[in-house]
Amino acid sequence: MARVPRDVVARLYAGPLAEFVARRNKAVAAARRAGDAATARAIAALRKPTRAAWMVNLLALRRPERVAELTALSAALRTAQRRLHGGQLRELSARRRAVISALVAEAQALARATDPALAARSLPLAEVEATLTAALADEEVAAQVRSGRLVRAVAYSGFGEVPRPRLRLIVGGAADEPAADAPTRRRSARKAADVRDRGRRAQSQE
């Protein structure tokens, strides 16, 4: 599939959220008039982001240097974690909280400046914070954030690379809980079997 030009991505994902569909239709029509059917199809396939994802996209597209700071911090945290540098980890964790807090505030300001109609509305700041935290922990999420084309917020439980971050999409302001992993299911099955066995032994002794 053809790649969507960066300027088109910026117009769609960093413009007012309420205008996304109209702007996308306009970009599709422009590509078709230019005889570029492949690009027109690629643009038509772009999905409208949730409000939280849109706010993260605003950061990526309008404040890329701040997102780059988040990426650098993520690399430093992973290095300190692998080397088990406790003091450095504590320092970086404090910095992480400060950086994310500042980014959330900036995303809020960008959202209200881009769409003044949002000034009186409650913004999903917790989802923005969760997504930025996930970007710190997972390189794939970080890449999605940097692209400026995120369509859903993401949440992450814990921090670390191994075995792999437990990520879940946040849809409509609620998170879909991840399914239990295989070891957890096996432990639950063994416990249930033990309970059944004790019950049978107790009945046989009555």
N, C-alpha and C. Protein backbone atom coordinates (compact mmCIF):
# COMPACT_ATOMS: atom_id res chain seq x y z
N MET A 1 0.84 -1.19 0.00
CA MET A 1 0.00 0.00 0.00
C MET A 1 0.88 1.24 0.00
N ALA A 2 0.43 2.28 -0.69
CA ALA A 2 1.19 3.53 -0.74
C ALA A 2 1.27 4.17 0.64
N ARG A 3 2.35 4.90 0.86
CA ARG A 3 2.52 5.60 2.12
C ARG A 3 1.78 6.91 2.07
N VAL A 4 1.19 7.28 3.21
CA VAL A 4 0.48 8.55 3.29
C VAL A 4 1.50 9.65 3.53
N PRO A 5 1.49 10.71 2.75
CA PRO A 5 2.44 11.81 2.94
C PRO A 5 2.35 12.36 4.37
N ARG A 6 3.51 12.75 4.89
CA ARG A 6 3.57 13.23 6.27
C ARG A 6 2.71 14.46 6.48
N ASP A 7 2.64 15.34 5.49
CA ASP A 7 1.84 16.55 5.65
C ASP A 7 0.35 16.22 5.74
N VAL A 8 -0.08 15.16 5.05
CA VAL A 8 -1.47 14.74 5.15
C VAL A 8 -1.74 14.17 6.53
N VAL A 9 -0.81 13.36 7.03
CA VAL A 9 -0.96 12.81 8.39
C VAL A 9 -1.08 13.96 9.39
N ALA A 10 -0.24 14.97 9.25
CA ALA A 10 -0.27 16.10 10.18
C ALA A 10 -1.61 16.84 10.11
N ARG A 11 -2.12 17.05 8.90
CA ARG A 11 -3.40 17.77 8.78
C ARG A 11 -4.54 16.98 9.41
N LEU A 12 -4.50 15.67 9.26
CA LEU A 12 -5.59 14.85 9.80
C LEU A 12 -5.47 14.65 11.30
N TYR A 13 -4.30 14.20 11.76
CA TYR A 13 -4.15 13.79 13.15
C TYR A 13 -3.77 14.90 14.10
N ALA A 14 -3.39 16.07 13.55
CA ALA A 14 -3.08 17.21 14.42
C ALA A 14 -4.07 18.35 14.21
N GLY A 15 -5.12 18.08 13.45
CA GLY A 15 -6.18 19.08 13.28
C GLY A 15 -7.29 18.82 14.28
N PRO A 16 -8.30 19.67 14.32
CA PRO A 16 -9.43 19.46 15.24
C PRO A 16 -10.03 18.06 15.03
N LEU A 17 -10.27 17.37 16.11
CA LEU A 17 -10.75 15.99 16.02
C LEU A 17 -12.10 15.91 15.31
N ALA A 18 -12.96 16.89 15.55
CA ALA A 18 -14.29 16.87 14.94
C ALA A 18 -14.23 17.00 13.42
N GLU A 19 -13.12 17.49 12.90
CA GLU A 19 -12.98 17.69 11.45
C GLU A 19 -12.25 16.54 10.77
N PHE A 20 -11.90 15.49 11.51
CA PHE A 20 -11.07 14.43 10.95
C PHE A 20 -11.68 13.81 9.70
N VAL A 21 -12.93 13.40 9.76
CA VAL A 21 -13.55 12.71 8.63
C VAL A 21 -13.64 13.63 7.42
N ALA A 22 -14.04 14.88 7.62
CA ALA A 22 -14.15 15.82 6.51
C ALA A 22 -12.79 16.08 5.88
N ARG A 23 -11.77 16.22 6.71
CA ARG A 23 -10.41 16.45 6.18
C ARG A 23 -9.90 15.22 5.44
N ARG A 24 -10.22 14.04 5.95
CA ARG A 24 -9.80 12.81 5.28
C ARG A 24 -10.46 12.70 3.91
N ASN A 25 -11.75 12.97 3.86
CA ASN A 25 -12.47 12.90 2.57
C ASN A 25 -11.88 13.89 1.56
N LYS A 26 -11.52 15.06 2.06
CA LYS A 26 -10.93 16.08 1.19
C LYS A 26 -9.58 15.62 0.65
N ALA A 27 -8.77 14.99 1.52
CA ALA A 27 -7.45 14.51 1.11
C ALA A 27 -7.58 13.36 0.11
N VAL A 28 -8.56 12.50 0.31
CA VAL A 28 -8.81 11.40 -0.63
C VAL A 28 -9.18 11.96 -2.00
N ALA A 29 -10.06 12.94 -2.01
CA ALA A 29 -10.49 13.55 -3.27
C ALA A 29 -9.32 14.21 -3.99
N ALA A 30 -8.44 14.86 -3.23
CA ALA A 30 -7.29 15.53 -3.83
C ALA A 30 -6.35 14.52 -4.46
N ALA A 31 -6.13 13.39 -3.79
CA ALA A 31 -5.25 12.35 -4.33
C ALA A 31 -5.85 11.75 -5.60
N ARG A 32 -7.16 11.58 -5.61
CA ARG A 32 -7.81 11.03 -6.81
C ARG A 32 -7.71 12.00 -7.99
N ARG A 33 -7.87 13.29 -7.70
CA ARG A 33 -7.75 14.28 -8.77
C ARG A 33 -6.34 14.29 -9.35
N ALA A 34 -5.36 13.98 -8.49
CA ALA A 34 -3.97 13.95 -8.94
C ALA A 34 -3.64 12.64 -9.66
N GLY A 35 -4.61 11.74 -9.74
CA GLY A 35 -4.39 10.47 -10.42
C GLY A 35 -3.64 9.46 -9.59
N ASP A 36 -3.55 9.68 -8.29
CA ASP A 36 -2.80 8.77 -7.39
C ASP A 36 -3.81 7.92 -6.62
N ALA A 37 -4.30 6.86 -7.27
CA ALA A 37 -5.33 6.02 -6.67
C ALA A 37 -4.81 5.28 -5.44
N ALA A 38 -3.54 4.86 -5.48
CA ALA A 38 -2.97 4.10 -4.35
C ALA A 38 -2.92 4.97 -3.10
N THR A 39 -2.48 6.21 -3.24
CA THR A 39 -2.43 7.10 -2.08
C THR A 39 -3.84 7.42 -1.60
N ALA A 40 -4.77 7.57 -2.52
CA ALA A 40 -6.16 7.83 -2.13
C ALA A 40 -6.70 6.70 -1.27
N ARG A 41 -6.39 5.46 -1.66
CA ARG A 41 -6.86 4.31 -0.87
C ARG A 41 -6.19 4.30 0.50
N ALA A 42 -4.90 4.63 0.55
CA ALA A 42 -4.18 4.63 1.82
C ALA A 42 -4.75 5.68 2.77
N ILE A 43 -5.08 6.83 2.24
CA ILE A 43 -5.66 7.89 3.07
C ILE A 43 -7.05 7.48 3.55
N ALA A 44 -7.84 6.90 2.65
CA ALA A 44 -9.20 6.48 3.02
C ALA A 44 -9.19 5.43 4.13
N ALA A 45 -8.09 4.67 4.23
CA ALA A 45 -8.00 3.62 5.25
C ALA A 45 -7.61 4.16 6.62
N LEU A 46 -7.20 5.42 6.71
CA LEU A 46 -6.80 6.00 7.99
C LEU A 46 -8.01 6.06 8.93
N ARG A 47 -7.79 5.67 10.18
CA ARG A 47 -8.88 5.61 11.15
C ARG A 47 -8.89 6.84 12.05
N LYS A 48 -10.08 7.26 12.39
CA LYS A 48 -10.22 8.39 13.32
C LYS A 48 -9.78 7.96 14.71
N PRO A 49 -8.94 8.73 15.39
CA PRO A 49 -8.47 8.35 16.72
C PRO A 49 -9.49 8.68 17.81
N THR A 50 -9.35 8.02 18.93
CA THR A 50 -10.11 8.42 20.10
C THR A 50 -9.56 9.76 20.58
N ARG A 51 -10.25 10.41 21.49
CA ARG A 51 -9.78 11.72 21.96
C ARG A 51 -8.42 11.62 22.64
N ALA A 52 -8.22 10.57 23.44
CA ALA A 52 -6.94 10.42 24.12
C ALA A 52 -5.81 10.19 23.12
N ALA A 53 -6.05 9.32 22.14
CA ALA A 53 -5.04 9.05 21.12
C ALA A 53 -4.74 10.32 20.32
N TRP A 54 -5.78 11.09 20.02
CA TRP A 54 -5.59 12.35 19.30
C TRP A 54 -4.68 13.30 20.08
N MET A 55 -4.85 13.36 21.39
CA MET A 55 -4.03 14.24 22.22
C MET A 55 -2.56 13.79 22.18
N VAL A 56 -2.33 12.49 22.19
CA VAL A 56 -0.96 11.98 22.09
C VAL A 56 -0.39 12.31 20.71
N ASN A 57 -1.21 12.19 19.67
CA ASN A 57 -0.77 12.53 18.32
C ASN A 57 -0.38 13.99 18.21
N LEU A 58 -1.10 14.86 18.90
CA LEU A 58 -0.75 16.27 18.89
C LEU A 58 0.67 16.48 19.41
N LEU A 59 1.01 15.76 20.47
CA LEU A 59 2.37 15.85 21.01
C LEU A 59 3.40 15.39 19.98
N ALA A 60 3.12 14.24 19.36
CA ALA A 60 4.08 13.66 18.42
C ALA A 60 4.29 14.55 17.20
N LEU A 61 3.23 15.18 16.72
CA LEU A 61 3.31 15.95 15.48
C LEU A 61 3.72 17.41 15.71
N ARG A 62 3.36 17.95 16.87
CA ARG A 62 3.66 19.36 17.12
C ARG A 62 4.81 19.57 18.09
N ARG A 63 5.10 18.57 18.90
CA ARG A 63 6.20 18.67 19.85
C ARG A 63 7.08 17.42 19.75
N PRO A 64 7.59 17.12 18.55
CA PRO A 64 8.38 15.88 18.39
C PRO A 64 9.62 15.84 19.27
N GLU A 65 10.18 17.01 19.60
CA GLU A 65 11.36 17.03 20.46
C GLU A 65 11.04 16.55 21.87
N ARG A 66 9.81 16.79 22.32
CA ARG A 66 9.41 16.31 23.65
C ARG A 66 9.21 14.81 23.65
N VAL A 67 8.65 14.28 22.56
CA VAL A 67 8.49 12.84 22.44
C VAL A 67 9.85 12.16 22.33
N ALA A 68 10.80 12.83 21.66
CA ALA A 68 12.17 12.30 21.57
C ALA A 68 12.80 12.21 22.96
N GLU A 69 12.48 13.17 23.81
CA GLU A 69 12.97 13.14 25.19
C GLU A 69 12.42 11.92 25.92
N LEU A 70 11.16 11.60 25.66
CA LEU A 70 10.55 10.42 26.27
C LEU A 70 11.25 9.15 25.79
N THR A 71 11.59 9.09 24.50
CA THR A 71 12.28 7.93 23.95
C THR A 71 13.66 7.75 24.57
N ALA A 72 14.39 8.85 24.74
CA ALA A 72 15.71 8.79 25.35
C ALA A 72 15.62 8.31 26.80
N LEU A 73 14.62 8.79 27.51
CA LEU A 73 14.42 8.37 28.89
C LEU A 73 14.10 6.89 28.97
N SER A 74 13.30 6.40 28.02
CA SER A 74 12.95 4.98 27.97
C SER A 74 14.21 4.13 27.83
N ALA A 75 15.11 4.53 26.93
CA ALA A 75 16.35 3.78 26.72
C ALA A 75 17.20 3.78 27.98
N ALA A 76 17.27 4.90 28.67
CA ALA A 76 18.06 4.99 29.90
C ALA A 76 17.47 4.10 30.99
N LEU A 77 16.14 4.07 31.09
CA LEU A 77 15.49 3.22 32.09
C LEU A 77 15.75 1.74 31.82
N ARG A 78 15.69 1.33 30.55
CA ARG A 78 15.94 -0.07 30.22
C ARG A 78 17.38 -0.46 30.54
N THR A 79 18.31 0.43 30.24
CA THR A 79 19.72 0.14 30.53
C THR A 79 19.93 0.00 32.03
N ALA A 80 19.38 0.93 32.81
CA ALA A 80 19.53 0.86 34.27
C ALA A 80 18.88 -0.38 34.84
N GLN A 81 17.75 -0.78 34.26
CA GLN A 81 17.05 -1.97 34.75
C GLN A 81 17.86 -3.23 34.47
N ARG A 82 18.43 -3.32 33.28
CA ARG A 82 19.24 -4.50 32.95
C ARG A 82 20.46 -4.60 33.85
N ARG A 83 21.03 -3.46 34.20
CA ARG A 83 22.24 -3.46 35.04
C ARG A 83 21.93 -3.43 36.52
N LEU A 84 20.63 -3.34 36.84
CA LEU A 84 20.18 -3.35 38.24
C LEU A 84 20.83 -2.24 39.05
N HIS A 85 20.88 -1.05 38.47
CA HIS A 85 21.40 0.12 39.16
C HIS A 85 20.26 0.76 39.95
N GLY A 86 20.15 0.39 41.23
CA GLY A 86 19.04 0.86 42.04
C GLY A 86 18.97 2.37 42.16
N GLY A 87 20.10 3.00 42.48
CA GLY A 87 20.10 4.45 42.64
C GLY A 87 19.74 5.16 41.35
N GLN A 88 20.28 4.68 40.25
CA GLN A 88 19.98 5.30 38.96
C GLN A 88 18.52 5.08 38.58
N LEU A 89 18.00 3.89 38.91
CA LEU A 89 16.60 3.61 38.61
C LEU A 89 15.68 4.55 39.37
N ARG A 90 16.00 4.79 40.65
CA ARG A 90 15.16 5.70 41.45
C ARG A 90 15.19 7.11 40.87
N GLU A 91 16.38 7.53 40.48
CA GLU A 91 16.51 8.87 39.89
C GLU A 91 15.74 8.98 38.58
N LEU A 92 15.88 7.95 37.73
CA LEU A 92 15.19 7.96 36.45
C LEU A 92 13.68 7.83 36.61
N SER A 93 13.25 7.07 37.62
CA SER A 93 11.82 6.93 37.86
C SER A 93 11.20 8.26 38.26
N ALA A 94 11.93 9.01 39.10
CA ALA A 94 11.43 10.34 39.48
C ALA A 94 11.38 11.25 38.26
N ARG A 95 12.39 11.15 37.42
CA ARG A 95 12.39 11.95 36.19
C ARG A 95 11.26 11.53 35.27
N ARG A 96 10.99 10.21 35.21
CA ARG A 96 9.90 9.71 34.38
C ARG A 96 8.57 10.34 34.79
N ARG A 97 8.31 10.37 36.10
CA ARG A 97 7.06 10.95 36.58
C ARG A 97 6.96 12.43 36.19
N ALA A 98 8.08 13.15 36.32
CA ALA A 98 8.07 14.58 35.99
C ALA A 98 7.86 14.81 34.50
N VAL A 99 8.53 14.01 33.67
CA VAL A 99 8.42 14.16 32.22
C VAL A 99 7.00 13.85 31.76
N ILE A 100 6.44 12.75 32.24
CA ILE A 100 5.10 12.37 31.81
C ILE A 100 4.07 13.40 32.27
N SER A 101 4.22 13.88 33.50
CA SER A 101 3.30 14.89 34.01
C SER A 101 3.35 16.15 33.13
N ALA A 102 4.56 16.56 32.74
CA ALA A 102 4.70 17.74 31.89
C ALA A 102 4.10 17.50 30.50
N LEU A 103 4.29 16.28 29.97
CA LEU A 103 3.75 15.96 28.65
C LEU A 103 2.22 15.93 28.67
N VAL A 104 1.64 15.40 29.74
CA VAL A 104 0.18 15.37 29.84
C VAL A 104 -0.37 16.80 29.87
N ALA A 105 0.29 17.66 30.64
CA ALA A 105 -0.16 19.06 30.71
C ALA A 105 -0.03 19.73 29.35
N GLU A 106 1.05 19.42 28.63
CA GLU A 106 1.24 20.02 27.31
C GLU A 106 0.20 19.50 26.32
N ALA A 107 -0.10 18.20 26.40
CA ALA A 107 -1.13 17.63 25.52
C ALA A 107 -2.48 18.29 25.78
N GLN A 108 -2.78 18.56 27.05
CA GLN A 108 -4.03 19.23 27.39
C GLN A 108 -4.07 20.64 26.79
N ALA A 109 -2.96 21.36 26.91
CA ALA A 109 -2.92 22.72 26.36
C ALA A 109 -3.05 22.71 24.83
N LEU A 110 -2.37 21.77 24.19
CA LEU A 110 -2.44 21.66 22.73
C LEU A 110 -3.86 21.33 22.27
N ALA A 111 -4.52 20.42 22.99
CA ALA A 111 -5.87 20.01 22.62
C ALA A 111 -6.83 21.19 22.68
N ARG A 112 -6.74 21.97 23.74
CA ARG A 112 -7.66 23.09 23.90
C ARG A 112 -7.33 24.25 22.96
N ALA A 113 -6.05 24.39 22.60
CA ALA A 113 -5.69 25.42 21.63
C ALA A 113 -6.13 25.03 20.22
N THR A 114 -6.06 23.72 19.93
CA THR A 114 -6.46 23.24 18.60
C THR A 114 -7.96 23.24 18.43
N ASP A 115 -8.68 22.91 19.48
CA ASP A 115 -10.14 22.85 19.42
C ASP A 115 -10.71 23.56 20.64
N PRO A 116 -10.92 24.87 20.56
CA PRO A 116 -11.41 25.63 21.71
C PRO A 116 -12.73 25.09 22.28
N ALA A 117 -13.49 24.35 21.47
CA ALA A 117 -14.75 23.80 21.96
C ALA A 117 -14.52 22.80 23.09
N LEU A 118 -13.28 22.28 23.20
CA LEU A 118 -12.98 21.31 24.25
C LEU A 118 -12.71 21.97 25.60
N ALA A 119 -12.60 23.28 25.63
CA ALA A 119 -12.22 23.98 26.86
C ALA A 119 -13.16 23.66 28.01
N ALA A 120 -14.43 23.48 27.70
CA ALA A 120 -15.41 23.23 28.76
C ALA A 120 -15.64 21.74 29.00
N ARG A 121 -14.91 20.90 28.30
CA ARG A 121 -15.11 19.46 28.43
C ARG A 121 -14.01 18.80 29.25
N SER A 122 -14.36 17.66 29.79
CA SER A 122 -13.37 16.88 30.52
C SER A 122 -12.53 16.09 29.52
N LEU A 123 -11.22 16.19 29.65
CA LEU A 123 -10.33 15.50 28.73
C LEU A 123 -9.79 14.23 29.39
N PRO A 124 -9.53 13.19 28.59
CA PRO A 124 -9.09 11.89 29.13
C PRO A 124 -7.60 11.89 29.50
N LEU A 125 -7.25 12.69 30.49
CA LEU A 125 -5.84 12.85 30.83
C LEU A 125 -5.24 11.56 31.36
N ALA A 126 -6.03 10.77 32.09
CA ALA A 126 -5.51 9.50 32.63
C ALA A 126 -5.13 8.55 31.49
N GLU A 127 -5.90 8.55 30.41
CA GLU A 127 -5.59 7.68 29.27
C GLU A 127 -4.35 8.18 28.53
N VAL A 128 -4.19 9.49 28.45
CA VAL A 128 -2.98 10.05 27.84
C VAL A 128 -1.76 9.64 28.66
N GLU A 129 -1.86 9.77 29.97
CA GLU A 129 -0.75 9.39 30.85
C GLU A 129 -0.44 7.89 30.72
N ALA A 130 -1.48 7.07 30.67
CA ALA A 130 -1.28 5.62 30.55
C ALA A 130 -0.57 5.28 29.24
N THR A 131 -0.93 5.96 28.17
CA THR A 131 -0.32 5.68 26.86
C THR A 131 1.15 6.09 26.85
N LEU A 132 1.46 7.24 27.42
CA LEU A 132 2.85 7.69 27.48
C LEU A 132 3.68 6.75 28.35
N THR A 133 3.09 6.25 29.43
CA THR A 133 3.79 5.28 30.27
C THR A 133 4.05 3.99 29.51
N ALA A 134 3.07 3.55 28.73
CA ALA A 134 3.25 2.35 27.91
C ALA A 134 4.34 2.56 26.87
N ALA A 135 4.43 3.76 26.32
CA ALA A 135 5.47 4.06 25.33
C ALA A 135 6.86 3.98 25.96
N LEU A 136 6.97 4.30 27.24
CA LEU A 136 8.24 4.18 27.93
C LEU A 136 8.65 2.72 28.08
N ALA A 137 7.67 1.84 28.23
CA ALA A 137 7.95 0.44 28.53
C ALA A 137 8.05 -0.45 27.31
N ASP A 138 7.46 -0.05 26.20
CA ASP A 138 7.40 -0.93 25.04
C ASP A 138 7.78 -0.15 23.78
N GLU A 139 8.78 -0.65 23.05
CA GLU A 139 9.29 0.06 21.89
C GLU A 139 8.26 0.12 20.76
N GLU A 140 7.41 -0.89 20.64
CA GLU A 140 6.39 -0.87 19.59
C GLU A 140 5.37 0.24 19.84
N VAL A 141 4.97 0.39 21.10
CA VAL A 141 4.05 1.46 21.44
C VAL A 141 4.73 2.81 21.20
N ALA A 142 6.01 2.90 21.58
CA ALA A 142 6.75 4.15 21.36
C ALA A 142 6.78 4.52 19.88
N ALA A 143 6.96 3.51 19.02
CA ALA A 143 6.98 3.76 17.58
C ALA A 143 5.62 4.27 17.10
N GLN A 144 4.54 3.69 17.63
CA GLN A 144 3.20 4.14 17.26
C GLN A 144 2.98 5.58 17.70
N VAL A 145 3.46 5.91 18.90
CA VAL A 145 3.32 7.27 19.40
C VAL A 145 4.09 8.24 18.51
N ARG A 146 5.32 7.89 18.16
CA ARG A 146 6.14 8.78 17.33
C ARG A 146 5.54 8.98 15.93
N SER A 147 4.80 7.99 15.45
CA SER A 147 4.21 8.10 14.10
C SER A 147 3.16 9.19 14.01
N GLY A 148 2.56 9.55 15.16
CA GLY A 148 1.48 10.53 15.14
C GLY A 148 0.18 9.99 14.60
N ARG A 149 0.07 8.66 14.49
CA ARG A 149 -1.12 8.04 13.92
C ARG A 149 -1.77 7.04 14.89
N LEU A 150 -1.58 7.25 16.16
CA LEU A 150 -2.19 6.39 17.16
C LEU A 150 -3.71 6.52 17.09
N VAL A 151 -4.43 5.40 17.18
CA VAL A 151 -5.89 5.46 17.10
C VAL A 151 -6.58 5.04 18.40
N ARG A 152 -5.85 4.41 19.31
CA ARG A 152 -6.41 4.00 20.59
C ARG A 152 -5.40 4.25 21.69
N ALA A 153 -5.89 4.56 22.88
CA ALA A 153 -5.02 4.66 24.03
C ALA A 153 -4.55 3.27 24.44
N VAL A 154 -3.42 3.19 25.11
CA VAL A 154 -2.86 1.91 25.55
C VAL A 154 -2.50 2.01 27.01
N ALA A 155 -2.72 0.94 27.78
CA ALA A 155 -2.34 0.91 29.18
C ALA A 155 -1.33 -0.19 29.39
N TYR A 156 -0.49 -0.04 30.42
CA TYR A 156 0.57 -1.00 30.70
C TYR A 156 0.66 -1.23 32.19
N SER A 157 0.73 -2.50 32.61
CA SER A 157 0.82 -2.84 34.02
C SER A 157 2.25 -3.23 34.35
N GLY A 158 2.88 -2.49 35.24
CA GLY A 158 4.25 -2.80 35.63
C GLY A 158 5.24 -2.10 34.75
N PHE A 159 6.53 -2.42 34.95
CA PHE A 159 7.56 -1.83 34.11
C PHE A 159 8.68 -2.83 33.92
N GLY A 160 9.07 -3.03 32.69
CA GLY A 160 10.17 -3.96 32.42
C GLY A 160 10.04 -4.56 31.05
N GLU A 161 11.11 -5.23 30.63
CA GLU A 161 11.14 -5.79 29.28
C GLU A 161 10.82 -7.28 29.27
N VAL A 162 11.06 -7.98 30.37
CA VAL A 162 10.95 -9.43 30.37
C VAL A 162 9.86 -9.84 31.35
N PRO A 163 8.96 -10.81 31.02
CA PRO A 163 8.95 -11.52 29.75
C PRO A 163 8.48 -10.67 28.58
N ARG A 164 7.48 -9.81 28.82
CA ARG A 164 7.04 -8.82 27.84
C ARG A 164 5.98 -7.98 28.51
N PRO A 165 5.98 -6.69 28.26
CA PRO A 165 4.97 -5.84 28.90
C PRO A 165 3.56 -6.34 28.64
N ARG A 166 2.72 -6.26 29.67
CA ARG A 166 1.32 -6.66 29.53
C ARG A 166 0.53 -5.42 29.13
N LEU A 167 0.22 -5.33 27.85
CA LEU A 167 -0.45 -4.17 27.32
C LEU A 167 -1.92 -4.48 27.05
N ARG A 168 -2.74 -3.46 27.13
CA ARG A 168 -4.14 -3.65 26.76
C ARG A 168 -4.65 -2.35 26.16
N LEU A 169 -5.51 -2.48 25.17
CA LEU A 169 -6.11 -1.30 24.56
C LEU A 169 -7.17 -0.73 25.48
N ILE A 170 -7.28 0.58 25.48
CA ILE A 170 -8.35 1.25 26.22
C ILE A 170 -9.34 1.74 25.18
N VAL A 171 -10.54 1.24 25.23
CA VAL A 171 -11.56 1.60 24.25
C VAL A 171 -12.73 2.22 24.98
N GLY A 172 -13.10 3.41 24.57
CA GLY A 172 -14.25 4.08 25.18
C GLY A 172 -14.04 4.38 26.64
N GLY A 173 -12.80 4.59 27.05
CA GLY A 173 -12.51 4.97 28.42
C GLY A 173 -12.40 3.80 29.37
N ALA A 174 -12.57 2.56 28.90
CA ALA A 174 -12.44 1.39 29.76
C ALA A 174 -11.41 0.46 29.17
N ALA A 175 -10.73 -0.27 30.03
CA ALA A 175 -9.67 -1.16 29.54
C ALA A 175 -10.16 -2.58 29.47
N ASP A 176 -9.79 -3.29 28.40
CA ASP A 176 -10.08 -4.71 28.28
C ASP A 176 -9.01 -5.47 29.03
N GLU A 177 -9.38 -6.18 30.08
CA GLU A 177 -8.39 -6.89 30.88
C GLU A 177 -7.74 -7.99 30.08
N PRO A 178 -6.40 -8.16 30.21
CA PRO A 178 -5.72 -9.23 29.49
C PRO A 178 -6.12 -10.59 30.01
N ALA A 179 -6.14 -11.56 29.14
CA ALA A 179 -6.48 -12.91 29.55
C ALA A 179 -5.39 -13.47 30.44
N ALA A 180 -5.76 -14.36 31.36
CA ALA A 180 -4.77 -14.98 32.23
C ALA A 180 -3.79 -15.80 31.41
N ASP A 181 -2.51 -15.80 31.81
CA ASP A 181 -1.52 -16.55 31.06
C ASP A 181 -1.59 -18.03 31.40
N ALA A 182 -0.85 -18.86 30.66
CA ALA A 182 -0.94 -20.31 30.83
C ALA A 182 -0.54 -20.77 32.23
N PRO A 183 0.58 -20.29 32.82
CA PRO A 183 0.93 -20.73 34.18
C PRO A 183 -0.16 -20.44 35.18
N THR A 184 -0.80 -19.26 35.06
CA THR A 184 -1.87 -18.91 35.99
C THR A 184 -3.04 -19.88 35.84
N ARG A 185 -3.38 -20.21 34.59
CA ARG A 185 -4.49 -21.16 34.37
C ARG A 185 -4.15 -22.53 34.95
N ARG A 186 -2.88 -22.96 34.79
CA ARG A 186 -2.50 -24.28 35.33
C ARG A 186 -2.58 -24.29 36.85
N ARG A 187 -2.11 -23.22 37.50
CA ARG A 187 -2.18 -23.17 38.96
C ARG A 187 -3.61 -23.21 39.44
N SER A 188 -4.48 -22.46 38.74
CA SER A 188 -5.90 -22.46 39.13
C SER A 188 -6.52 -23.85 38.98
N ALA A 189 -6.15 -24.55 37.90
CA ALA A 189 -6.69 -25.89 37.67
C ALA A 189 -6.22 -26.85 38.77
N ARG A 190 -4.92 -26.74 39.16
CA ARG A 190 -4.41 -27.63 40.22
C ARG A 190 -5.11 -27.37 41.54
N LYS A 191 -5.34 -26.08 41.85
CA LYS A 191 -6.02 -25.76 43.10
C LYS A 191 -7.44 -26.33 43.12
N ALA A 192 -8.11 -26.19 41.99
CA ALA A 192 -9.49 -26.71 41.91
C ALA A 192 -9.49 -28.23 42.07
N ALA A 193 -8.51 -28.91 41.46
CA ALA A 193 -8.42 -30.36 41.57
C ALA A 193 -8.15 -30.78 43.01
N ASP A 194 -7.27 -30.05 43.71
CA ASP A 194 -6.97 -30.36 45.12
C ASP A 194 -8.21 -30.23 45.98
N VAL A 195 -8.99 -29.18 45.74
CA VAL A 195 -10.21 -28.98 46.52
C VAL A 195 -11.18 -30.13 46.29
N ARG A 196 -11.33 -30.57 45.02
CA ARG A 196 -12.22 -31.69 44.72
C ARG A 196 -11.74 -32.97 45.40
N ASP A 197 -10.41 -33.23 45.37
CA ASP A 197 -9.87 -34.44 45.99
C ASP A 197 -10.12 -34.43 47.49
N ARG A 198 -9.90 -33.30 48.16
CA ARG A 198 -10.14 -33.24 49.62
C ARG A 198 -11.61 -33.46 49.92
N GLY A 199 -12.47 -32.93 49.04
CA GLY A 199 -13.89 -33.13 49.28
C GLY A 199 -14.28 -34.59 49.17
N ARG A 200 -13.72 -35.29 48.16
CA ARG A 200 -14.03 -36.72 48.00
C ARG A 200 -13.50 -37.55 49.18
N ARG A 201 -12.29 -37.22 49.64
CA ARG A 201 -11.73 -37.98 50.79
C ARG A 201 -12.57 -37.76 52.04
N ALA A 202 -13.03 -36.53 52.23
CA ALA A 202 -13.84 -36.24 53.41
C ALA A 202 -15.15 -37.03 53.36
N GLN A 203 -15.76 -37.11 52.19
CA GLN A 203 -17.01 -37.85 52.06
C GLN A 203 -16.82 -39.34 52.29
N SER A 204 -15.68 -39.90 51.85
CA SER A 204 -15.44 -41.33 52.00
C SER A 204 -15.20 -41.71 53.46
N GLN A 205 -14.76 -40.72 54.29
CA GLN A 205 -14.48 -41.02 55.70
C GLN A 205 -15.72 -40.86 56.57
N GLU A 206 -16.80 -40.29 56.03
CA GLU A 206 -17.99 -40.10 56.85
C GLU A 206 -18.71 -41.40 57.10
